[in-house]
Amino acid sequence: MERAVPILPADDLTSAKAFYVDGLGFRVTFESPYTGGGLMGLERGGIQLTIDCPMSGHGRNACVSLHVDDVDAYYREWSVKVTCLRAPKNEEWGARTFDLLDPSGNTLFVMGPVTE
């Protein structure tokens, strides 16, 4: 199976872990600490992410699109635990979306099928 796993930069691995695990319900698949930082693998259902702290030499303020079956269910779950930038809305281009920022300023753009 081929797949792409986004690598998101983080300023602090502890706050990233709290946000993704405690706030969004991901589970840690691996942790590899090193002096001054580390790498952490995360998974929730079919979504996989890697967090790199510090991620020097790469762009900052990344954006990743998370494709889900029920945008509103994710919004209901996540919005009580973390701050979402906006409520879900049907986009004119044919998707239902909302987005949020992680503690390092990376955008998580959640999208799924349009609802009535």
Protein backbone atom coordinates (compact mmCIF):
# COMPACT_ATOMS: atom_id res chain seq x y z
CA MET A 1 0.00 0.00 0.00
CA GLU A 2 1.29 3.43 -0.92
CA ARG A 3 0.44 6.44 1.22
CA ALA A 4 1.67 9.88 2.17
CA VAL A 5 2.13 10.80 5.82
CA PRO A 6 2.42 14.55 6.50
CA ILE A 7 5.24 15.70 8.77
CA LEU A 8 4.24 18.76 10.78
CA PRO A 9 6.73 21.01 12.57
CA ALA A 10 6.30 21.59 16.30
CA ASP A 11 7.84 24.01 18.77
CA ASP A 12 7.22 21.77 21.76
CA LEU A 13 6.60 18.02 21.62
CA THR A 14 4.83 17.94 24.99
CA SER A 15 2.20 20.50 23.97
CA ALA A 16 1.83 18.83 20.54
CA LYS A 17 1.20 15.49 22.24
CA ALA A 18 -1.38 17.01 24.59
CA PHE A 19 -3.18 18.67 21.64
CA TYR A 20 -3.26 15.67 19.32
CA VAL A 21 -3.71 12.87 21.87
CA ASP A 22 -5.77 14.48 24.65
CA GLY A 23 -7.55 17.03 22.46
CA LEU A 24 -8.10 15.24 19.17
CA GLY A 25 -8.02 11.57 20.20
CA PHE A 26 -4.99 10.42 18.19
CA ARG A 27 -2.82 7.63 19.56
CA VAL A 28 0.96 7.68 19.59
CA THR A 29 2.46 5.06 17.26
CA PHE A 30 6.10 5.91 17.99
CA GLU A 31 8.19 8.41 19.91
CA SER A 32 11.84 9.05 19.20
CA PRO A 33 13.23 11.71 21.53
CA TYR A 34 16.55 13.38 20.87
CA THR A 35 18.39 16.24 22.54
CA GLY A 36 16.26 19.35 22.22
CA GLY A 37 13.27 17.64 20.61
CA GLY A 38 12.12 14.48 18.90
CA LEU A 39 9.75 12.80 16.47
CA MET A 40 6.32 11.44 17.24
CA GLY A 41 4.02 9.33 15.07
CA LEU A 42 0.26 9.72 15.47
CA GLU A 43 -2.72 7.77 14.16
CA ARG A 44 -6.49 8.00 14.34
CA GLY A 45 -8.42 5.63 12.11
CA GLY A 46 -6.93 6.01 8.63
CA ILE A 47 -5.22 9.35 9.44
CA GLN A 48 -1.49 9.30 10.15
CA LEU A 49 0.73 12.26 11.06
CA THR A 50 4.31 12.71 12.15
CA ILE A 51 5.32 15.58 14.45
CA ASP A 52 8.93 16.82 14.22
CA CYS A 53 10.37 19.08 16.93
CA PRO A 54 12.26 21.17 16.04
CA MET A 55 11.92 20.84 12.28
CA SER A 56 14.72 23.01 10.99
CA GLY A 57 15.33 23.55 7.30
CA HIS A 58 11.70 23.10 6.31
CA GLY A 59 8.75 25.44 5.93
CA ARG A 60 6.77 26.43 8.98
CA ASN A 61 3.03 26.93 9.43
CA ALA A 62 2.11 23.84 7.45
CA CYS A 63 -1.40 22.89 6.40
CA VAL A 64 -2.73 19.35 6.16
CA SER A 65 -6.13 18.27 4.88
CA LEU A 66 -7.84 15.53 6.88
CA HIS A 67 -10.49 13.73 4.82
CA VAL A 68 -13.24 12.30 7.02
CA ASP A 69 -16.68 10.76 6.50
CA ASP A 70 -18.58 13.02 8.93
CA VAL A 71 -17.20 16.55 9.36
CA ASP A 72 -19.87 17.50 11.89
CA ALA A 73 -19.08 14.54 14.16
CA TYR A 74 -15.41 15.55 14.27
CA TYR A 75 -16.38 19.16 14.94
CA ARG A 76 -18.70 18.19 17.80
CA GLU A 77 -15.99 16.04 19.37
CA TRP A 78 -13.03 18.35 18.87
CA SER A 79 -14.64 21.76 19.48
CA VAL A 80 -15.30 20.94 23.15
CA LYS A 81 -11.62 20.06 23.69
CA VAL A 82 -9.70 22.50 21.45
CA THR A 83 -10.41 25.81 19.74
CA CYS A 84 -11.67 25.48 16.17
CA LEU A 85 -11.29 28.46 13.85
CA ARG A 86 -14.83 28.17 12.50
CA ALA A 87 -17.86 25.90 12.46
CA PRO A 88 -18.40 23.48 9.56
CA LYS A 89 -19.78 24.91 6.34
CA ASN A 90 -20.65 23.61 2.90
CA GLU A 91 -18.17 25.01 0.38
CA GLU A 92 -19.31 26.09 -3.07
CA TRP A 93 -16.70 23.74 -4.56
CA GLY A 94 -18.43 20.67 -3.12
CA ALA A 95 -17.06 19.80 0.32
CA ARG A 96 -18.00 20.44 3.95
CA THR A 97 -15.10 21.90 5.95
CA PHE A 98 -13.82 23.41 9.18
CA ASP A 99 -10.31 24.14 10.37
CA LEU A 100 -8.23 24.53 13.49
CA LEU A 101 -4.66 25.38 14.47
CA ASP A 102 -2.31 23.20 16.48
CA PRO A 103 -0.08 24.76 19.18
CA SER A 104 2.71 25.40 16.63
CA GLY A 105 0.47 27.24 14.15
CA ASN A 106 -0.12 24.38 11.69
CA THR A 107 -3.57 24.33 10.09
CA LEU A 108 -5.68 21.17 10.17
CA PHE A 109 -8.24 21.53 7.37
CA VAL A 110 -10.98 18.97 7.97
CA MET A 111 -13.11 18.11 4.95
CA GLY A 112 -15.78 15.64 3.96
CA PRO A 113 -19.01 15.23 2.00
CA VAL A 114 -21.51 18.09 1.81
CA THR A 115 -24.53 17.74 4.09
CA GLU A 116 -28.01 19.15 3.64
